[in-house]
């Protein structure tokens, strides 16, 4: 799995960080998504995919490699 984010599209909802805290966080100053782990281990794949699907601004892209 390879994850990329588009900070410009992020609406700072925080759903990603709540859904997959080992993969995503938020910047303190503006709440924009921070990608902690662009290639998470298989145990985190379901959480990362759920976070991407739940993103209201579609700022997260998940690709299976």
PDB file of N, CA and C in Angstrom:
ATOM      1  N   UNK A   1       0.834  -1.168   0.000  1.00  0.00           N
ATOM      2  CA  UNK A   1       0.000   0.000   0.000  1.00  0.00           C
ATOM      3  C   UNK A   1       0.888   1.244   0.000  1.00  0.00           C
ATOM      4  N   UNK A   2       0.476   2.223  -0.790  1.00  0.00           N
ATOM      5  CA  UNK A   2       1.159   3.507  -0.828  1.00  0.00           C
ATOM      6  C   UNK A   2       0.107   4.598  -0.684  1.00  0.00           C
ATOM      7  N   UNK A   3       0.302   5.482   0.288  1.00  0.00           N
ATOM      8  CA  UNK A   3      -0.645   6.550   0.570  1.00  0.00           C
ATOM      9  C   UNK A   3      -0.004   7.885   0.221  1.00  0.00           C
ATOM     10  N   UNK A   4      -0.781   8.724  -0.435  1.00  0.00           N
ATOM     11  CA  UNK A   4      -0.367  10.106  -0.675  1.00  0.00           C
ATOM     12  C   UNK A   4      -1.501  11.014  -0.214  1.00  0.00           C
ATOM     13  N   UNK A   5      -1.149  12.250   0.117  1.00  0.00           N
ATOM     14  CA  UNK A   5      -2.149  13.213   0.544  1.00  0.00           C
ATOM     15  C   UNK A   5      -2.014  14.488  -0.270  1.00  0.00           C
ATOM     16  N   UNK A   6      -3.108  15.224  -0.349  1.00  0.00           N
ATOM     17  CA  UNK A   6      -3.104  16.519  -0.997  1.00  0.00           C
ATOM     18  C   UNK A   6      -3.471  17.539   0.073  1.00  0.00           C
ATOM     19  N   UNK A   7      -2.463  18.183   0.639  1.00  0.00           N
ATOM     20  CA  UNK A   7      -2.683  19.145   1.720  1.00  0.00           C
ATOM     21  C   UNK A   7      -3.582  20.294   1.291  1.00  0.00           C
ATOM     22  N   UNK A   8      -3.499  20.695   0.036  1.00  0.00           N
ATOM     23  CA  UNK A   8      -4.314  21.809  -0.447  1.00  0.00           C
ATOM     24  C   UNK A   8      -5.803  21.468  -0.466  1.00  0.00           C
ATOM     25  N   UNK A   9      -6.133  20.203  -0.630  1.00  0.00           N
ATOM     26  CA  UNK A   9      -7.533  19.778  -0.654  1.00  0.00           C
ATOM     27  C   UNK A   9      -8.085  19.495   0.741  1.00  0.00           C
ATOM     28  N   UNK A  10      -7.211  19.304   1.717  1.00  0.00           N
ATOM     29  CA  UNK A  10      -7.628  18.928   3.065  1.00  0.00           C
ATOM     30  C   UNK A  10      -8.532  19.998   3.680  1.00  0.00           C
ATOM     31  N   UNK A  11      -9.662  19.568   4.257  1.00  0.00           N
ATOM     32  CA  UNK A  11     -10.590  20.499   4.902  1.00  0.00           C
ATOM     33  C   UNK A  11     -10.462  20.461   6.431  1.00  0.00           C
ATOM     34  N   UNK A  12      -9.462  19.740   6.929  1.00  0.00           N
ATOM     35  CA  UNK A  12      -9.145  19.693   8.367  1.00  0.00           C
ATOM     36  C   UNK A  12     -10.259  19.099   9.225  1.00  0.00           C
ATOM     37  N   UNK A  13     -10.959  18.107   8.702  1.00  0.00           N
ATOM     38  CA  UNK A  13     -12.051  17.489   9.464  1.00  0.00           C
ATOM     39  C   UNK A  13     -11.532  16.619  10.603  1.00  0.00           C
ATOM     40  N   UNK A  14     -10.343  16.035  10.435  1.00  0.00           N
ATOM     41  CA  UNK A  14      -9.761  15.182  11.464  1.00  0.00           C
ATOM     42  C   UNK A  14     -10.222  13.743  11.436  1.00  0.00           C
ATOM     43  N   UNK A  15     -11.092  13.396  10.510  1.00  0.00           N
ATOM     44  CA  UNK A  15     -11.596  12.026  10.435  1.00  0.00           C
ATOM     45  C   UNK A  15     -10.461  11.035  10.203  1.00  0.00           C
ATOM     46  N   UNK A  16      -9.503  11.395   9.384  1.00  0.00           N
ATOM     47  CA  UNK A  16      -8.391  10.491   9.091  1.00  0.00           C
ATOM     48  C   UNK A  16      -7.590  10.182  10.354  1.00  0.00           C
ATOM     49  N   UNK A  17      -7.276  11.208  11.118  1.00  0.00           N
ATOM     50  CA  UNK A  17      -6.478  11.022  12.331  1.00  0.00           C
ATOM     51  C   UNK A  17      -7.238  10.216  13.386  1.00  0.00           C
ATOM     52  N   UNK A  18      -8.552  10.374  13.430  1.00  0.00           N
ATOM     53  CA  UNK A  18      -9.352   9.596  14.380  1.00  0.00           C
ATOM     54  C   UNK A  18      -9.508   8.147  13.926  1.00  0.00           C
ATOM     55  N   UNK A  19      -9.583   7.937  12.626  1.00  0.00           N
ATOM     56  CA  UNK A  19      -9.808   6.602  12.078  1.00  0.00           C
ATOM     57  C   UNK A  19      -8.533   5.769  12.025  1.00  0.00           C
ATOM     58  N   UNK A  20      -7.424   6.403  11.676  1.00  0.00           N
ATOM     59  CA  UNK A  20      -6.140   5.694  11.527  1.00  0.00           C
ATOM     60  C   UNK A  20      -5.021   6.517  12.158  1.00  0.00           C
ATOM     61  N   UNK A  21      -4.974   6.588  13.489  1.00  0.00           N
ATOM     62  CA  UNK A  21      -3.990   7.446  14.163  1.00  0.00           C
ATOM     63  C   UNK A  21      -2.539   7.015  14.000  1.00  0.00           C
ATOM     64  N   UNK A  22      -2.303   5.784  13.572  1.00  0.00           N
ATOM     65  CA  UNK A  22      -0.931   5.341  13.330  1.00  0.00           C
ATOM     66  C   UNK A  22      -0.458   5.728  11.931  1.00  0.00           C
ATOM     67  N   UNK A  23      -1.380   6.227  11.118  1.00  0.00           N
ATOM     68  CA  UNK A  23      -1.052   6.591   9.743  1.00  0.00           C
ATOM     69  C   UNK A  23      -1.161   8.098   9.520  1.00  0.00           C
ATOM     70  N   UNK A  24      -2.138   8.738  10.176  1.00  0.00           N
ATOM     71  CA  UNK A  24      -2.407  10.160   9.960  1.00  0.00           C
ATOM     72  C   UNK A  24      -2.413  10.936  11.275  1.00  0.00           C
ATOM     73  N   UNK A  25      -2.062  12.201  11.164  1.00  0.00           N
ATOM     74  CA  UNK A  25      -2.174  13.142  12.281  1.00  0.00           C
ATOM     75  C   UNK A  25      -2.630  14.462  11.672  1.00  0.00           C
ATOM     76  N   UNK A  26      -2.712  15.498  12.497  1.00  0.00           N
ATOM     77  CA  UNK A  26      -3.076  16.826  12.026  1.00  0.00           C
ATOM     78  C   UNK A  26      -2.078  17.843  12.555  1.00  0.00           C
ATOM     79  N   UNK A  27      -1.815  18.859  11.743  1.00  0.00           N
ATOM     80  CA  UNK A  27      -0.966  19.961  12.200  1.00  0.00           C
ATOM     81  C   UNK A  27      -1.713  20.743  13.267  1.00  0.00           C
ATOM     82  N   UNK A  28      -1.007  21.125  14.304  1.00  0.00           N
ATOM     83  CA  UNK A  28      -1.612  21.879  15.399  1.00  0.00           C
ATOM     84  C   UNK A  28      -2.143  23.235  14.959  1.00  0.00           C
ATOM     85  N   UNK A  29      -1.409  23.906  14.089  1.00  0.00           N
ATOM     86  CA  UNK A  29      -1.769  25.282  13.753  1.00  0.00           C
ATOM     87  C   UNK A  29      -3.008  25.419  12.870  1.00  0.00           C
ATOM     88  N   UNK A  30      -3.280  24.427  12.011  1.00  0.00           N
ATOM     89  CA  UNK A  30      -4.424  24.584  11.110  1.00  0.00           C
ATOM     90  C   UNK A  30      -5.234  23.305  10.897  1.00  0.00           C
ATOM     91  N   UNK A  31      -4.828  22.210  11.490  1.00  0.00           N
ATOM     92  CA  UNK A  31      -5.582  20.966  11.386  1.00  0.00           C
ATOM     93  C   UNK A  31      -5.403  20.188  10.104  1.00  0.00           C
ATOM     94  N   UNK A  32      -4.529  20.639   9.232  1.00  0.00           N
ATOM     95  CA  UNK A  32      -4.293  19.950   7.958  1.00  0.00           C
ATOM     96  C   UNK A  32      -3.656  18.588   8.228  1.00  0.00           C
ATOM     97  N   UNK A  33      -4.042  17.626   7.423  1.00  0.00           N
ATOM     98  CA  UNK A  33      -3.555  16.258   7.571  1.00  0.00           C
ATOM     99  C   UNK A  33      -2.035  16.191   7.476  1.00  0.00           C
ATOM    100  N   UNK A  34      -1.465  15.299   8.292  1.00  0.00           N
ATOM    101  CA  UNK A  34      -0.035  14.971   8.255  1.00  0.00           C
ATOM    102  C   UNK A  34       0.055  13.470   8.040  1.00  0.00           C
ATOM    103  N   UNK A  35       0.775  13.062   7.036  1.00  0.00           N
ATOM    104  CA  UNK A  35       0.954  11.647   6.738  1.00  0.00           C
ATOM    105  C   UNK A  35       2.129  11.116   7.553  1.00  0.00           C
ATOM    106  N   UNK A  36       1.849  10.260   8.504  1.00  0.00           N
ATOM    107  CA  UNK A  36       2.885   9.696   9.372  1.00  0.00           C
ATOM    108  C   UNK A  36       3.555   8.478   8.751  1.00  0.00           C
ATOM    109  N   UNK A  37       2.802   7.744   7.942  1.00  0.00           N
ATOM    110  CA  UNK A  37       3.286   6.458   7.457  1.00  0.00           C
ATOM    111  C   UNK A  37       2.762   6.217   6.037  1.00  0.00           C
ATOM    112  N   UNK A  38       3.512   6.609   4.997  1.00  0.00           N
ATOM    113  CA  UNK A  38       3.028   6.454   3.627  1.00  0.00           C
ATOM    114  C   UNK A  38       2.946   5.007   3.139  1.00  0.00           C
ATOM    115  N   UNK A  39       3.637   4.091   3.822  1.00  0.00           N
ATOM    116  CA  UNK A  39       3.601   2.677   3.445  1.00  0.00           C
ATOM    117  C   UNK A  39       3.329   1.837   4.697  1.00  0.00           C
ATOM    118  N   UNK A  40       2.105   1.896   5.205  1.00  0.00           N
ATOM    119  CA  UNK A  40       1.805   1.196   6.456  1.00  0.00           C
ATOM    120  C   UNK A  40       1.850  -0.321   6.304  1.00  0.00           C
ATOM    121  N   UNK A  41       2.132  -0.983   7.424  1.00  0.00           N
ATOM    122  CA  UNK A  41       2.148  -2.435   7.427  1.00  0.00           C
ATOM    123  C   UNK A  41       0.724  -2.965   7.208  1.00  0.00           C
ATOM    124  N   UNK A  42       0.601  -4.200   6.748  1.00  0.00           N
ATOM    125  CA  UNK A  42      -0.704  -4.765   6.412  1.00  0.00           C
ATOM    126  C   UNK A  42      -1.758  -4.665   7.525  1.00  0.00           C
ATOM    127  N   UNK A  43      -1.358  -4.699   8.766  1.00  0.00           N
ATOM    128  CA  UNK A  43      -2.323  -4.618   9.864  1.00  0.00           C
ATOM    129  C   UNK A  43      -3.047  -3.277   9.896  1.00  0.00           C
ATOM    130  N   UNK A  44      -2.476  -2.252   9.252  1.00  0.00           N
ATOM    131  CA  UNK A  44      -3.083  -0.924   9.236  1.00  0.00           C
ATOM    132  C   UNK A  44      -3.821  -0.598   7.939  1.00  0.00           C
ATOM    133  N   UNK A  45      -3.817  -1.501   6.992  1.00  0.00           N
ATOM    134  CA  UNK A  45      -4.413  -1.227   5.683  1.00  0.00           C
ATOM    135  C   UNK A  45      -5.903  -0.931   5.765  1.00  0.00           C
ATOM    136  N   UNK A  46      -6.643  -1.700   6.511  1.00  0.00           N
ATOM    137  CA  UNK A  46      -8.101  -1.494   6.588  1.00  0.00           C
ATOM    138  C   UNK A  46      -8.418  -0.127   7.180  1.00  0.00           C
ATOM    139  N   UNK A  47      -7.703   0.266   8.223  1.00  0.00           N
ATOM    140  CA  UNK A  47      -7.920   1.585   8.838  1.00  0.00           C
ATOM    141  C   UNK A  47      -7.577   2.704   7.864  1.00  0.00           C
ATOM    142  N   UNK A  48      -6.473   2.556   7.160  1.00  0.00           N
ATOM    143  CA  UNK A  48      -6.056   3.585   6.207  1.00  0.00           C
ATOM    144  C   UNK A  48      -7.067   3.721   5.071  1.00  0.00           C
ATOM    145  N   UNK A  49      -7.562   2.607   4.574  1.00  0.00           N
ATOM    146  CA  UNK A  49      -8.564   2.639   3.506  1.00  0.00           C
ATOM    147  C   UNK A  49      -9.860   3.280   3.995  1.00  0.00           C
ATOM    148  N   UNK A  50     -10.268   2.959   5.212  1.00  0.00           N
ATOM    149  CA  UNK A  50     -11.483   3.551   5.779  1.00  0.00           C
ATOM    150  C   UNK A  50     -11.311   5.060   5.935  1.00  0.00           C
ATOM    151  N   UNK A  51     -10.141   5.492   6.394  1.00  0.00           N
ATOM    152  CA  UNK A  51      -9.874   6.922   6.544  1.00  0.00           C
ATOM    153  C   UNK A  51      -9.954   7.632   5.196  1.00  0.00           C
ATOM    154  N   UNK A  52      -9.390   7.036   4.167  1.00  0.00           N
ATOM    155  CA  UNK A  52      -9.424   7.646   2.835  1.00  0.00           C
ATOM    156  C   UNK A  52     -10.859   7.740   2.315  1.00  0.00           C
ATOM    157  N   UNK A  53     -11.632   6.694   2.504  1.00  0.00           N
ATOM    158  CA  UNK A  53     -13.038   6.702   2.060  1.00  0.00           C
ATOM    159  C   UNK A  53     -13.863   7.723   2.836  1.00  0.00           C
ATOM    160  N   UNK A  54     -13.505   7.965   4.081  1.00  0.00           N
ATOM    161  CA  UNK A  54     -14.266   8.867   4.951  1.00  0.00           C
ATOM    162  C   UNK A  54     -13.883  10.330   4.793  1.00  0.00           C
ATOM    163  N   UNK A  55     -12.811  10.599   4.111  1.00  0.00           N
ATOM    164  CA  UNK A  55     -12.329  11.980   3.960  1.00  0.00           C
ATOM    165  C   UNK A  55     -13.334  12.801   3.145  1.00  0.00           C
ATOM    166  N   UNK A  56     -13.924  13.834   3.752  1.00  0.00           N
ATOM    167  CA  UNK A  56     -14.929  14.620   3.029  1.00  0.00           C
ATOM    168  C   UNK A  56     -14.373  15.410   1.851  1.00  0.00           C
ATOM    169  N   UNK A  57     -13.085  15.692   1.850  1.00  0.00           N
ATOM    170  CA  UNK A  57     -12.505  16.456   0.739  1.00  0.00           C
ATOM    171  C   UNK A  57     -11.713  15.590  -0.240  1.00  0.00           C
ATOM    172  N   UNK A  58     -11.713  14.281  -0.003  1.00  0.00           N
ATOM    173  CA  UNK A  58     -10.996  13.336  -0.876  1.00  0.00           C
ATOM    174  C   UNK A  58      -9.525  13.695  -1.034  1.00  0.00           C
ATOM    175  N   UNK A  59      -8.904  14.100   0.078  1.00  0.00           N
ATOM    176  CA  UNK A  59      -7.505  14.526   0.055  1.00  0.00           C
ATOM    177  C   UNK A  59      -6.515  13.377   0.228  1.00  0.00           C
ATOM    178  N   UNK A  60      -7.027  12.167   0.422  1.00  0.00           N
ATOM    179  CA  UNK A  60      -6.164  11.003   0.653  1.00  0.00           C
ATOM    180  C   UNK A  60      -6.309  10.019  -0.496  1.00  0.00           C
ATOM    181  N   UNK A  61      -5.179   9.600  -1.047  1.00  0.00           N
ATOM    182  CA  UNK A  61      -5.177   8.606  -2.120  1.00  0.00           C
ATOM    183  C   UNK A  61      -4.448   7.364  -1.622  1.00  0.00           C
ATOM    184  N   UNK A  62      -5.112   6.223  -1.739  1.00  0.00           N
ATOM    185  CA  UNK A  62      -4.527   4.945  -1.324  1.00  0.00           C
ATOM    186  C   UNK A  62      -4.398   4.057  -2.550  1.00  0.00           C
ATOM    187  N   UNK A  63      -3.193   3.575  -2.788  1.00  0.00           N
ATOM    188  CA  UNK A  63      -2.953   2.669  -3.906  1.00  0.00           C
ATOM    189  C   UNK A  63      -2.378   1.366  -3.378  1.00  0.00           C
ATOM    190  N   UNK A  64      -2.903   0.275  -3.863  1.00  0.00           N
ATOM    191  CA  UNK A  64      -2.354  -1.034  -3.540  1.00  0.00           C
ATOM    192  C   UNK A  64      -1.208  -1.296  -4.490  1.00  0.00           C
ATOM    193  N   UNK A  65      -0.043  -1.638  -3.934  1.00  0.00           N
ATOM    194  CA  UNK A  65       1.132  -1.898  -4.769  1.00  0.00           C
ATOM    195  C   UNK A  65       1.611  -3.314  -4.564  1.00  0.00           C
TER     196      UNK A  65
END
